[in-house]
């Protein structure tokens, strides 16, 4: 993952694609990223849809942490940890899924 580190109001954050940011009346607007299941070209819009696709790939729910939605694949050491609230599902979570499921998912700009 590459980008530019931005320091603003005492907070440092990574801007993954600074060219995608546009200024609109003094505020910043980011292009939204979406997770896509590439074989079906389905945009993942809920955890139910994601869970259905992950189960189809051999992932199982892991109930160790009540604050997270976690998936584990028996044949690997991989663990996918996601926030319980889909509204907090960010691009870093999407890229984690992509890396652990090569050729099955991709992240796209919307």
PDB file of N, CA and C in Angstrom:
ATOM      1  N   UNK A   1       0.845  -1.152   0.000  1.00  0.00           N
ATOM      2  CA  UNK A   1       0.000   0.000   0.000  1.00  0.00           C
ATOM      3  C   UNK A   1       0.901   1.229   0.000  1.00  0.00           C
ATOM      4  N   UNK A   2       0.590   2.182  -0.851  1.00  0.00           N
ATOM      5  CA  UNK A   2       1.377   3.393  -0.900  1.00  0.00           C
ATOM      6  C   UNK A   2       0.457   4.586  -0.758  1.00  0.00           C
ATOM      7  N   UNK A   3       1.024   5.728  -0.536  1.00  0.00           N
ATOM      8  CA  UNK A   3       0.238   6.938  -0.396  1.00  0.00           C
ATOM      9  C   UNK A   3       1.065   8.040   0.204  1.00  0.00           C
ATOM     10  N   UNK A   4       0.374   9.031   0.729  1.00  0.00           N
ATOM     11  CA  UNK A   4       1.008  10.203   1.320  1.00  0.00           C
ATOM     12  C   UNK A   4       0.501  10.333   2.751  1.00  0.00           C
ATOM     13  N   UNK A   5       1.430  10.544   3.691  1.00  0.00           N
ATOM     14  CA  UNK A   5       1.055  10.776   5.079  1.00  0.00           C
ATOM     15  C   UNK A   5       0.683  12.234   5.242  1.00  0.00           C
ATOM     16  N   UNK A   6      -0.500  12.509   5.807  1.00  0.00           N
ATOM     17  CA  UNK A   6      -0.998  13.868   5.999  1.00  0.00           C
ATOM     18  C   UNK A   6      -1.142  14.113   7.493  1.00  0.00           C
ATOM     19  N   UNK A   7      -0.590  15.239   7.948  1.00  0.00           N
ATOM     20  CA  UNK A   7      -0.691  15.625   9.349  1.00  0.00           C
ATOM     21  C   UNK A   7      -1.631  16.818   9.429  1.00  0.00           C
ATOM     22  N   UNK A   8      -2.764  16.650  10.156  1.00  0.00           N
ATOM     23  CA  UNK A   8      -3.749  17.720  10.261  1.00  0.00           C
ATOM     24  C   UNK A   8      -4.414  17.660  11.627  1.00  0.00           C
ATOM     25  N   UNK A   9      -4.444  18.788  12.325  1.00  0.00           N
ATOM     26  CA  UNK A   9      -5.076  18.892  13.644  1.00  0.00           C
ATOM     27  C   UNK A   9      -4.535  17.855  14.636  1.00  0.00           C
ATOM     28  N   UNK A  10      -3.241  17.609  14.579  1.00  0.00           N
ATOM     29  CA  UNK A  10      -2.612  16.685  15.508  1.00  0.00           C
ATOM     30  C   UNK A  10      -2.813  15.215  15.188  1.00  0.00           C
ATOM     31  N   UNK A  11      -3.363  14.917  14.026  1.00  0.00           N
ATOM     32  CA  UNK A  11      -3.629  13.531  13.633  1.00  0.00           C
ATOM     33  C   UNK A  11      -2.901  13.232  12.333  1.00  0.00           C
ATOM     34  N   UNK A  12      -2.240  12.093  12.290  1.00  0.00           N
ATOM     35  CA  UNK A  12      -1.561  11.650  11.078  1.00  0.00           C
ATOM     36  C   UNK A  12      -2.400  10.560  10.441  1.00  0.00           C
ATOM     37  N   UNK A  13      -2.621  10.662   9.126  1.00  0.00           N
ATOM     38  CA  UNK A  13      -3.356   9.619   8.418  1.00  0.00           C
ATOM     39  C   UNK A  13      -2.720   9.390   7.058  1.00  0.00           C
ATOM     40  N   UNK A  14      -2.925   8.204   6.524  1.00  0.00           N
ATOM     41  CA  UNK A  14      -2.393   7.847   5.219  1.00  0.00           C
ATOM     42  C   UNK A  14      -3.462   8.091   4.168  1.00  0.00           C
ATOM     43  N   UNK A  15      -3.134   8.928   3.192  1.00  0.00           N
ATOM     44  CA  UNK A  15      -4.020   9.161   2.056  1.00  0.00           C
ATOM     45  C   UNK A  15      -3.522   8.244   0.959  1.00  0.00           C
ATOM     46  N   UNK A  16      -4.320   7.223   0.615  1.00  0.00           N
ATOM     47  CA  UNK A  16      -3.870   6.201  -0.319  1.00  0.00           C
ATOM     48  C   UNK A  16      -3.695   6.721  -1.736  1.00  0.00           C
ATOM     49  N   UNK A  17      -4.572   7.604  -2.159  1.00  0.00           N
ATOM     50  CA  UNK A  17      -4.500   8.121  -3.516  1.00  0.00           C
ATOM     51  C   UNK A  17      -4.780   9.620  -3.472  1.00  0.00           C
ATOM     52  N   UNK A  18      -3.735  10.442  -3.241  1.00  0.00           N
ATOM     53  CA  UNK A  18      -3.968  11.873  -3.097  1.00  0.00           C
ATOM     54  C   UNK A  18      -4.578  12.514  -4.334  1.00  0.00           C
ATOM     55  N   UNK A  19      -4.383  11.942  -5.509  1.00  0.00           N
ATOM     56  CA  UNK A  19      -4.960  12.497  -6.732  1.00  0.00           C
ATOM     57  C   UNK A  19      -6.472  12.325  -6.752  1.00  0.00           C
ATOM     58  N   UNK A  20      -6.986  11.364  -6.003  1.00  0.00           N
ATOM     59  CA  UNK A  20      -8.423  11.121  -5.970  1.00  0.00           C
ATOM     60  C   UNK A  20      -9.150  12.125  -5.093  1.00  0.00           C
ATOM     61  N   UNK A  21      -8.422  12.863  -4.268  1.00  0.00           N
ATOM     62  CA  UNK A  21      -9.051  13.851  -3.414  1.00  0.00           C
ATOM     63  C   UNK A  21      -9.294  15.123  -4.201  1.00  0.00           C
ATOM     64  N   UNK A  22     -10.484  15.662  -4.056  1.00  0.00           N
ATOM     65  CA  UNK A  22     -10.798  16.934  -4.689  1.00  0.00           C
ATOM     66  C   UNK A  22     -11.296  17.882  -3.628  1.00  0.00           C
ATOM     67  N   UNK A  23     -11.020  19.155  -3.802  1.00  0.00           N
ATOM     68  CA  UNK A  23     -11.462  20.148  -2.842  1.00  0.00           C
ATOM     69  C   UNK A  23     -12.771  20.746  -3.318  1.00  0.00           C
ATOM     70  N   UNK A  24     -13.778  20.680  -2.458  1.00  0.00           N
ATOM     71  CA  UNK A  24     -15.077  21.245  -2.758  1.00  0.00           C
ATOM     72  C   UNK A  24     -15.431  22.202  -1.632  1.00  0.00           C
ATOM     73  N   UNK A  25     -15.385  23.505  -1.921  1.00  0.00           N
ATOM     74  CA  UNK A  25     -15.690  24.547  -0.943  1.00  0.00           C
ATOM     75  C   UNK A  25     -14.907  24.361   0.352  1.00  0.00           C
ATOM     76  N   UNK A  26     -13.628  24.124   0.241  1.00  0.00           N
ATOM     77  CA  UNK A  26     -12.760  24.027   1.399  1.00  0.00           C
ATOM     78  C   UNK A  26     -12.781  22.685   2.111  1.00  0.00           C
ATOM     79  N   UNK A  27     -13.641  21.776   1.728  1.00  0.00           N
ATOM     80  CA  UNK A  27     -13.659  20.461   2.369  1.00  0.00           C
ATOM     81  C   UNK A  27     -13.091  19.429   1.412  1.00  0.00           C
ATOM     82  N   UNK A  28     -12.604  18.353   1.965  1.00  0.00           N
ATOM     83  CA  UNK A  28     -12.029  17.289   1.137  1.00  0.00           C
ATOM     84  C   UNK A  28     -13.070  16.216   0.914  1.00  0.00           C
ATOM     85  N   UNK A  29     -13.070  15.694  -0.288  1.00  0.00           N
ATOM     86  CA  UNK A  29     -13.994  14.630  -0.626  1.00  0.00           C
ATOM     87  C   UNK A  29     -13.197  13.500  -1.257  1.00  0.00           C
ATOM     88  N   UNK A  30     -13.285  12.307  -0.666  1.00  0.00           N
ATOM     89  CA  UNK A  30     -12.541  11.159  -1.166  1.00  0.00           C
ATOM     90  C   UNK A  30     -13.444  10.331  -2.071  1.00  0.00           C
ATOM     91  N   UNK A  31     -12.836   9.733  -3.094  1.00  0.00           N
ATOM     92  CA  UNK A  31     -13.570   8.739  -3.864  1.00  0.00           C
ATOM     93  C   UNK A  31     -13.723   7.523  -2.969  1.00  0.00           C
ATOM     94  N   UNK A  32     -14.898   6.989  -2.930  1.00  0.00           N
ATOM     95  CA  UNK A  32     -15.161   5.848  -2.078  1.00  0.00           C
ATOM     96  C   UNK A  32     -14.651   4.568  -2.739  1.00  0.00           C
ATOM     97  N   UNK A  33     -14.130   3.686  -1.940  1.00  0.00           N
ATOM     98  CA  UNK A  33     -13.652   2.393  -2.431  1.00  0.00           C
ATOM     99  C   UNK A  33     -14.686   1.332  -2.102  1.00  0.00           C
ATOM    100  N   UNK A  34     -14.790   0.351  -2.982  1.00  0.00           N
ATOM    101  CA  UNK A  34     -15.719  -0.753  -2.766  1.00  0.00           C
ATOM    102  C   UNK A  34     -14.983  -2.069  -2.971  1.00  0.00           C
ATOM    103  N   UNK A  35     -15.440  -3.091  -2.263  1.00  0.00           N
ATOM    104  CA  UNK A  35     -14.907  -4.442  -2.410  1.00  0.00           C
ATOM    105  C   UNK A  35     -15.782  -5.170  -3.418  1.00  0.00           C
ATOM    106  N   UNK A  36     -15.131  -5.801  -4.402  1.00  0.00           N
ATOM    107  CA  UNK A  36     -15.862  -6.495  -5.461  1.00  0.00           C
ATOM    108  C   UNK A  36     -15.443  -7.963  -5.495  1.00  0.00           C
ATOM    109  N   UNK A  37     -16.432  -8.853  -5.524  1.00  0.00           N
ATOM    110  CA  UNK A  37     -16.179 -10.276  -5.726  1.00  0.00           C
ATOM    111  C   UNK A  37     -15.999 -10.452  -7.229  1.00  0.00           C
ATOM    112  N   UNK A  38     -14.770 -10.684  -7.678  1.00  0.00           N
ATOM    113  CA  UNK A  38     -14.457 -10.640  -9.107  1.00  0.00           C
ATOM    114  C   UNK A  38     -15.125 -11.724  -9.953  1.00  0.00           C
ATOM    115  N   UNK A  39     -15.269 -12.979  -9.503  1.00  0.00           N
ATOM    116  CA  UNK A  39     -15.917 -13.964 -10.379  1.00  0.00           C
ATOM    117  C   UNK A  39     -17.355 -13.585 -10.749  1.00  0.00           C
ATOM    118  N   UNK A  40     -18.084 -12.953  -9.815  1.00  0.00           N
ATOM    119  CA  UNK A  40     -19.478 -12.587 -10.078  1.00  0.00           C
ATOM    120  C   UNK A  40     -19.642 -11.097 -10.382  1.00  0.00           C
ATOM    121  N   UNK A  41     -18.582 -10.319 -10.183  1.00  0.00           N
ATOM    122  CA  UNK A  41     -18.604  -8.856 -10.352  1.00  0.00           C
ATOM    123  C   UNK A  41     -19.610  -8.204  -9.390  1.00  0.00           C
ATOM    124  N   UNK A  42     -19.829  -8.834  -8.227  1.00  0.00           N
ATOM    125  CA  UNK A  42     -20.753  -8.323  -7.220  1.00  0.00           C
ATOM    126  C   UNK A  42     -20.038  -7.371  -6.275  1.00  0.00           C
ATOM    127  N   UNK A  43     -20.607  -6.179  -6.097  1.00  0.00           N
ATOM    128  CA  UNK A  43     -20.090  -5.235  -5.108  1.00  0.00           C
ATOM    129  C   UNK A  43     -20.611  -5.684  -3.755  1.00  0.00           C
ATOM    130  N   UNK A  44     -19.711  -5.840  -2.802  1.00  0.00           N
ATOM    131  CA  UNK A  44     -20.089  -6.287  -1.458  1.00  0.00           C
ATOM    132  C   UNK A  44     -20.647  -5.093  -0.697  1.00  0.00           C
ATOM    133  N   UNK A  45     -21.951  -5.146  -0.399  1.00  0.00           N
ATOM    134  CA  UNK A  45     -22.627  -4.021   0.247  1.00  0.00           C
ATOM    135  C   UNK A  45     -23.063  -4.322   1.676  1.00  0.00           C
ATOM    136  N   UNK A  46     -22.797  -5.542   2.147  1.00  0.00           N
ATOM    137  CA  UNK A  46     -23.167  -5.904   3.518  1.00  0.00           C
ATOM    138  C   UNK A  46     -22.291  -7.057   3.987  1.00  0.00           C
ATOM    139  N   UNK A  47     -22.284  -7.241   5.296  1.00  0.00           N
ATOM    140  CA  UNK A  47     -21.540  -8.380   5.834  1.00  0.00           C
ATOM    141  C   UNK A  47     -22.204  -9.702   5.457  1.00  0.00           C
ATOM    142  N   UNK A  48     -23.513  -9.703   5.261  1.00  0.00           N
ATOM    143  CA  UNK A  48     -24.192 -10.939   4.855  1.00  0.00           C
ATOM    144  C   UNK A  48     -23.686 -11.395   3.484  1.00  0.00           C
ATOM    145  N   UNK A  49     -23.532 -10.452   2.565  1.00  0.00           N
ATOM    146  CA  UNK A  49     -23.017 -10.790   1.229  1.00  0.00           C
ATOM    147  C   UNK A  49     -21.565 -11.242   1.313  1.00  0.00           C
ATOM    148  N   UNK A  50     -20.767 -10.554   2.128  1.00  0.00           N
ATOM    149  CA  UNK A  50     -19.360 -10.928   2.285  1.00  0.00           C
ATOM    150  C   UNK A  50     -19.246 -12.311   2.917  1.00  0.00           C
ATOM    151  N   UNK A  51     -20.033 -12.549   3.948  1.00  0.00           N
ATOM    152  CA  UNK A  51     -19.990 -13.833   4.647  1.00  0.00           C
ATOM    153  C   UNK A  51     -20.356 -14.979   3.689  1.00  0.00           C
ATOM    154  N   UNK A  52     -21.357 -14.783   2.861  1.00  0.00           N
ATOM    155  CA  UNK A  52     -21.760 -15.799   1.884  1.00  0.00           C
ATOM    156  C   UNK A  52     -20.611 -16.130   0.936  1.00  0.00           C
ATOM    157  N   UNK A  53     -19.908 -15.102   0.458  1.00  0.00           N
ATOM    158  CA  UNK A  53     -18.785 -15.324  -0.465  1.00  0.00           C
ATOM    159  C   UNK A  53     -17.608 -15.987   0.248  1.00  0.00           C
ATOM    160  N   UNK A  54     -17.303 -15.559   1.469  1.00  0.00           N
ATOM    161  CA  UNK A  54     -16.189 -16.150   2.213  1.00  0.00           C
ATOM    162  C   UNK A  54     -16.473 -17.605   2.572  1.00  0.00           C
ATOM    163  N   UNK A  55     -17.713 -17.921   2.969  1.00  0.00           N
ATOM    164  CA  UNK A  55     -18.071 -19.311   3.276  1.00  0.00           C
ATOM    165  C   UNK A  55     -17.868 -20.186   2.052  1.00  0.00           C
ATOM    166  N   UNK A  56     -18.200 -19.667   0.886  1.00  0.00           N
ATOM    167  CA  UNK A  56     -18.012 -20.406  -0.358  1.00  0.00           C
ATOM    168  C   UNK A  56     -16.556 -20.690  -0.675  1.00  0.00           C
ATOM    169  N   UNK A  57     -15.653 -19.892  -0.086  1.00  0.00           N
ATOM    170  CA  UNK A  57     -14.215 -20.075  -0.296  1.00  0.00           C
ATOM    171  C   UNK A  57     -13.555 -20.878   0.829  1.00  0.00           C
ATOM    172  N   UNK A  58     -14.359 -21.410   1.752  1.00  0.00           N
ATOM    173  CA  UNK A  58     -13.810 -22.243   2.820  1.00  0.00           C
ATOM    174  C   UNK A  58     -13.505 -21.520   4.123  1.00  0.00           C
ATOM    175  N   UNK A  59     -13.911 -20.262   4.257  1.00  0.00           N
ATOM    176  CA  UNK A  59     -13.708 -19.520   5.494  1.00  0.00           C
ATOM    177  C   UNK A  59     -14.810 -19.880   6.487  1.00  0.00           C
ATOM    178  N   UNK A  60     -14.472 -19.834   7.771  1.00  0.00           N
ATOM    179  CA  UNK A  60     -15.426 -20.120   8.838  1.00  0.00           C
ATOM    180  C   UNK A  60     -15.459 -18.943   9.797  1.00  0.00           C
ATOM    181  N   UNK A  61     -16.621 -18.734  10.445  1.00  0.00           N
ATOM    182  CA  UNK A  61     -16.717 -17.683  11.457  1.00  0.00           C
ATOM    183  C   UNK A  61     -15.894 -18.092  12.672  1.00  0.00           C
ATOM    184  N   UNK A  62     -15.268 -17.122  13.269  1.00  0.00           N
ATOM    185  CA  UNK A  62     -14.433 -17.319  14.450  1.00  0.00           C
ATOM    186  C   UNK A  62     -15.012 -16.408  15.526  1.00  0.00           C
ATOM    187  N   UNK A  63     -15.451 -16.963  16.637  1.00  0.00           N
ATOM    188  CA  UNK A  63     -16.201 -16.217  17.650  1.00  0.00           C
ATOM    189  C   UNK A  63     -15.373 -15.880  18.879  1.00  0.00           C
ATOM    190  N   UNK A  64     -14.097 -15.571  18.716  1.00  0.00           N
ATOM    191  CA  UNK A  64     -13.219 -15.324  19.861  1.00  0.00           C
ATOM    192  C   UNK A  64     -13.412 -13.935  20.462  1.00  0.00           C
ATOM    193  N   UNK A  65     -13.677 -12.918  19.647  1.00  0.00           N
ATOM    194  CA  UNK A  65     -13.776 -11.536  20.121  1.00  0.00           C
ATOM    195  C   UNK A  65     -15.167 -10.991  19.821  1.00  0.00           C
ATOM    196  N   UNK A  66     -15.939 -10.615  20.859  1.00  0.00           N
ATOM    197  CA  UNK A  66     -17.306 -10.141  20.627  1.00  0.00           C
ATOM    198  C   UNK A  66     -17.376  -8.775  19.920  1.00  0.00           C
ATOM    199  N   UNK A  67     -16.283  -8.032  19.896  1.00  0.00           N
ATOM    200  CA  UNK A  67     -16.277  -6.711  19.264  1.00  0.00           C
ATOM    201  C   UNK A  67     -15.908  -6.755  17.789  1.00  0.00           C
ATOM    202  N   UNK A  68     -15.527  -7.928  17.306  1.00  0.00           N
ATOM    203  CA  UNK A  68     -15.093  -8.060  15.922  1.00  0.00           C
ATOM    204  C   UNK A  68     -15.852  -9.171  15.214  1.00  0.00           C
ATOM    205  N   UNK A  69     -15.933  -9.043  13.915  1.00  0.00           N
ATOM    206  CA  UNK A  69     -16.422 -10.116  13.062  1.00  0.00           C
ATOM    207  C   UNK A  69     -15.178 -10.755  12.478  1.00  0.00           C
ATOM    208  N   UNK A  70     -14.936 -12.037  12.794  1.00  0.00           N
ATOM    209  CA  UNK A  70     -13.700 -12.677  12.387  1.00  0.00           C
ATOM    210  C   UNK A  70     -13.969 -13.948  11.583  1.00  0.00           C
ATOM    211  N   UNK A  71     -13.070 -14.185  10.622  1.00  0.00           N
ATOM    212  CA  UNK A  71     -13.153 -15.371   9.780  1.00  0.00           C
ATOM    213  C   UNK A  71     -11.793 -16.052   9.772  1.00  0.00           C
ATOM    214  N   UNK A  72     -11.816 -17.383   9.791  1.00  0.00           N
ATOM    215  CA  UNK A  72     -10.592 -18.175   9.793  1.00  0.00           C
ATOM    216  C   UNK A  72     -10.717 -19.257   8.733  1.00  0.00           C
ATOM    217  N   UNK A  73      -9.614 -19.547   8.074  1.00  0.00           N
ATOM    218  CA  UNK A  73      -9.591 -20.619   7.088  1.00  0.00           C
ATOM    219  C   UNK A  73      -8.719 -21.727   7.642  1.00  0.00           C
ATOM    220  N   UNK A  74      -9.264 -22.919   7.815  1.00  0.00           N
ATOM    221  CA  UNK A  74      -8.547 -24.030   8.459  1.00  0.00           C
ATOM    222  C   UNK A  74      -7.232 -24.380   7.784  1.00  0.00           C
ATOM    223  N   UNK A  75      -7.184 -24.308   6.478  1.00  0.00           N
ATOM    224  CA  UNK A  75      -5.978 -24.729   5.756  1.00  0.00           C
ATOM    225  C   UNK A  75      -4.855 -23.696   5.804  1.00  0.00           C
ATOM    226  N   UNK A  76      -5.093 -22.552   6.464  1.00  0.00           N
ATOM    227  CA  UNK A  76      -4.081 -21.490   6.537  1.00  0.00           C
ATOM    228  C   UNK A  76      -3.988 -20.949   7.959  1.00  0.00           C
ATOM    229  N   UNK A  77      -3.071 -20.043   8.151  1.00  0.00           N
ATOM    230  CA  UNK A  77      -2.962 -19.348   9.438  1.00  0.00           C
ATOM    231  C   UNK A  77      -3.661 -17.996   9.386  1.00  0.00           C
ATOM    232  N   UNK A  78      -4.337 -17.693   8.279  1.00  0.00           N
ATOM    233  CA  UNK A  78      -4.959 -16.388   8.085  1.00  0.00           C
ATOM    234  C   UNK A  78      -6.183 -16.190   8.966  1.00  0.00           C
ATOM    235  N   UNK A  79      -6.329 -14.961   9.416  1.00  0.00           N
ATOM    236  CA  UNK A  79      -7.496 -14.538  10.179  1.00  0.00           C
ATOM    237  C   UNK A  79      -7.910 -13.185   9.633  1.00  0.00           C
ATOM    238  N   UNK A  80      -9.170 -13.036   9.283  1.00  0.00           N
ATOM    239  CA  UNK A  80      -9.707 -11.752   8.826  1.00  0.00           C
ATOM    240  C   UNK A  80     -10.505 -11.175   9.984  1.00  0.00           C
ATOM    241  N   UNK A  81     -10.134  -9.975  10.434  1.00  0.00           N
ATOM    242  CA  UNK A  81     -10.834  -9.308  11.528  1.00  0.00           C
ATOM    243  C   UNK A  81     -11.459  -8.020  11.008  1.00  0.00           C
ATOM    244  N   UNK A  82     -12.762  -7.889  11.227  1.00  0.00           N
ATOM    245  CA  UNK A  82     -13.519  -6.747  10.723  1.00  0.00           C
ATOM    246  C   UNK A  82     -14.301  -6.113  11.864  1.00  0.00           C
ATOM    247  N   UNK A  83     -14.563  -4.800  11.789  1.00  0.00           N
ATOM    248  CA  UNK A  83     -15.402  -4.178  12.821  1.00  0.00           C
ATOM    249  C   UNK A  83     -16.834  -4.713  12.723  1.00  0.00           C
ATOM    250  N   UNK A  84     -17.528  -4.812  13.852  1.00  0.00           N
ATOM    251  CA  UNK A  84     -18.907  -5.324  13.859  1.00  0.00           C
ATOM    252  C   UNK A  84     -19.837  -4.482  12.984  1.00  0.00           C
ATOM    253  N   UNK A  85     -19.606  -3.173  12.970  1.00  0.00           N
ATOM    254  CA  UNK A  85     -20.450  -2.241  12.220  1.00  0.00           C
ATOM    255  C   UNK A  85     -19.940  -2.122  10.783  1.00  0.00           C
ATOM    256  N   UNK A  86     -20.771  -2.458   9.793  1.00  0.00           N
ATOM    257  CA  UNK A  86     -20.356  -2.390   8.388  1.00  0.00           C
ATOM    258  C   UNK A  86     -20.016  -0.956   7.983  1.00  0.00           C
ATOM    259  N   UNK A  87     -20.562   0.023   8.659  1.00  0.00           N
ATOM    260  CA  UNK A  87     -20.247   1.429   8.385  1.00  0.00           C
ATOM    261  C   UNK A  87     -18.798   1.782   8.680  1.00  0.00           C
ATOM    262  N   UNK A  88     -18.134   0.979   9.482  1.00  0.00           N
ATOM    263  CA  UNK A  88     -16.723   1.204   9.812  1.00  0.00           C
ATOM    264  C   UNK A  88     -15.800   0.317   8.991  1.00  0.00           C
ATOM    265  N   UNK A  89     -16.339  -0.374   7.995  1.00  0.00           N
ATOM    266  CA  UNK A  89     -15.590  -1.240   7.087  1.00  0.00           C
ATOM    267  C   UNK A  89     -14.815  -0.347   6.121  1.00  0.00           C
ATOM    268  N   UNK A  90     -13.503  -0.286   6.277  1.00  0.00           N
ATOM    269  CA  UNK A  90     -12.652   0.647   5.522  1.00  0.00           C
ATOM    270  C   UNK A  90     -11.812  -0.082   4.482  1.00  0.00           C
ATOM    271  N   UNK A  91     -11.102   0.702   3.676  1.00  0.00           N
ATOM    272  CA  UNK A  91     -10.287   0.122   2.604  1.00  0.00           C
ATOM    273  C   UNK A  91      -9.195  -0.801   3.142  1.00  0.00           C
ATOM    274  N   UNK A  92      -8.668  -0.525   4.334  1.00  0.00           N
ATOM    275  CA  UNK A  92      -7.627  -1.409   4.880  1.00  0.00           C
ATOM    276  C   UNK A  92      -8.191  -2.809   5.123  1.00  0.00           C
ATOM    277  N   UNK A  93      -9.470  -2.899   5.525  1.00  0.00           N
ATOM    278  CA  UNK A  93     -10.110  -4.205   5.712  1.00  0.00           C
ATOM    279  C   UNK A  93     -10.317  -4.883   4.359  1.00  0.00           C
ATOM    280  N   UNK A  94     -10.687  -4.075   3.359  1.00  0.00           N
ATOM    281  CA  UNK A  94     -10.895  -4.615   2.009  1.00  0.00           C
ATOM    282  C   UNK A  94      -9.605  -5.206   1.455  1.00  0.00           C
ATOM    283  N   UNK A  95      -8.496  -4.470   1.616  1.00  0.00           N
ATOM    284  CA  UNK A  95      -7.215  -4.961   1.104  1.00  0.00           C
ATOM    285  C   UNK A  95      -6.772  -6.224   1.844  1.00  0.00           C
ATOM    286  N   UNK A  96      -7.102  -6.331   3.126  1.00  0.00           N
ATOM    287  CA  UNK A  96      -6.780  -7.536   3.885  1.00  0.00           C
ATOM    288  C   UNK A  96      -7.500  -8.749   3.275  1.00  0.00           C
ATOM    289  N   UNK A  97      -8.750  -8.566   2.912  1.00  0.00           N
ATOM    290  CA  UNK A  97      -9.523  -9.639   2.284  1.00  0.00           C
ATOM    291  C   UNK A  97      -8.940  -9.986   0.920  1.00  0.00           C
ATOM    292  N   UNK A  98      -8.560  -8.974   0.143  1.00  0.00           N
ATOM    293  CA  UNK A  98      -7.990  -9.201  -1.189  1.00  0.00           C
ATOM    294  C   UNK A  98      -6.699 -10.008  -1.095  1.00  0.00           C
ATOM    295  N   UNK A  99      -5.816  -9.645  -0.180  1.00  0.00           N
ATOM    296  CA  UNK A  99      -4.526 -10.320  -0.042  1.00  0.00           C
ATOM    297  C   UNK A  99      -4.708 -11.781   0.361  1.00  0.00           C
ATOM    298  N   UNK A 100      -5.691 -12.049   1.193  1.00  0.00           N
ATOM    299  CA  UNK A 100      -5.895 -13.407   1.700  1.00  0.00           C
ATOM    300  C   UNK A 100      -6.773 -14.261   0.787  1.00  0.00           C
ATOM    301  N   UNK A 101      -7.290 -13.666  -0.281  1.00  0.00           N
ATOM    302  CA  UNK A 101      -8.137 -14.383  -1.246  1.00  0.00           C
ATOM    303  C   UNK A 101      -7.765 -13.954  -2.656  1.00  0.00           C
ATOM    304  N   UNK A 102      -6.558 -14.246  -3.048  1.00  0.00           N
ATOM    305  CA  UNK A 102      -6.053 -13.813  -4.353  1.00  0.00           C
ATOM    306  C   UNK A 102      -6.984 -14.231  -5.488  1.00  0.00           C
ATOM    307  N   UNK A 103      -7.171 -13.322  -6.431  1.00  0.00           N
ATOM    308  CA  UNK A 103      -7.992 -13.516  -7.632  1.00  0.00           C
ATOM    309  C   UNK A 103      -9.482 -13.698  -7.357  1.00  0.00           C
ATOM    310  N   UNK A 104      -9.934 -13.479  -6.136  1.00  0.00           N
ATOM    311  CA  UNK A 104     -11.354 -13.631  -5.813  1.00  0.00           C
ATOM    312  C   UNK A 104     -12.031 -12.292  -5.487  1.00  0.00           C
ATOM    313  N   UNK A 105     -11.247 -11.336  -5.003  1.00  0.00           N
ATOM    314  CA  UNK A 105     -11.775 -10.022  -4.657  1.00  0.00           C
ATOM    315  C   UNK A 105     -10.826  -8.957  -5.181  1.00  0.00           C
ATOM    316  N   UNK A 106     -11.350  -7.757  -5.376  1.00  0.00           N
ATOM    317  CA  UNK A 106     -10.508  -6.602  -5.685  1.00  0.00           C
ATOM    318  C   UNK A 106     -11.181  -5.356  -5.124  1.00  0.00           C
ATOM    319  N   UNK A 107     -10.385  -4.328  -4.913  1.00  0.00           N
ATOM    320  CA  UNK A 107     -10.877  -3.051  -4.426  1.00  0.00           C
ATOM    321  C   UNK A 107     -10.897  -2.092  -5.605  1.00  0.00           C
ATOM    322  N   UNK A 108     -12.036  -1.431  -5.764  1.00  0.00           N
ATOM    323  CA  UNK A 108     -12.200  -0.477  -6.871  1.00  0.00           C
ATOM    324  C   UNK A 108     -12.657   0.867  -6.334  1.00  0.00           C
ATOM    325  N   UNK A 109     -12.300   1.934  -7.074  1.00  0.00           N
ATOM    326  CA  UNK A 109     -12.837   3.252  -6.780  1.00  0.00           C
ATOM    327  C   UNK A 109     -14.256   3.327  -7.312  1.00  0.00           C
ATOM    328  N   UNK A 110     -15.111   3.955  -6.556  1.00  0.00           N
ATOM    329  CA  UNK A 110     -16.493   4.069  -7.005  1.00  0.00           C
ATOM    330  C   UNK A 110     -16.744   5.416  -7.614  1.00  0.00           C
TER     331      UNK A 110
END
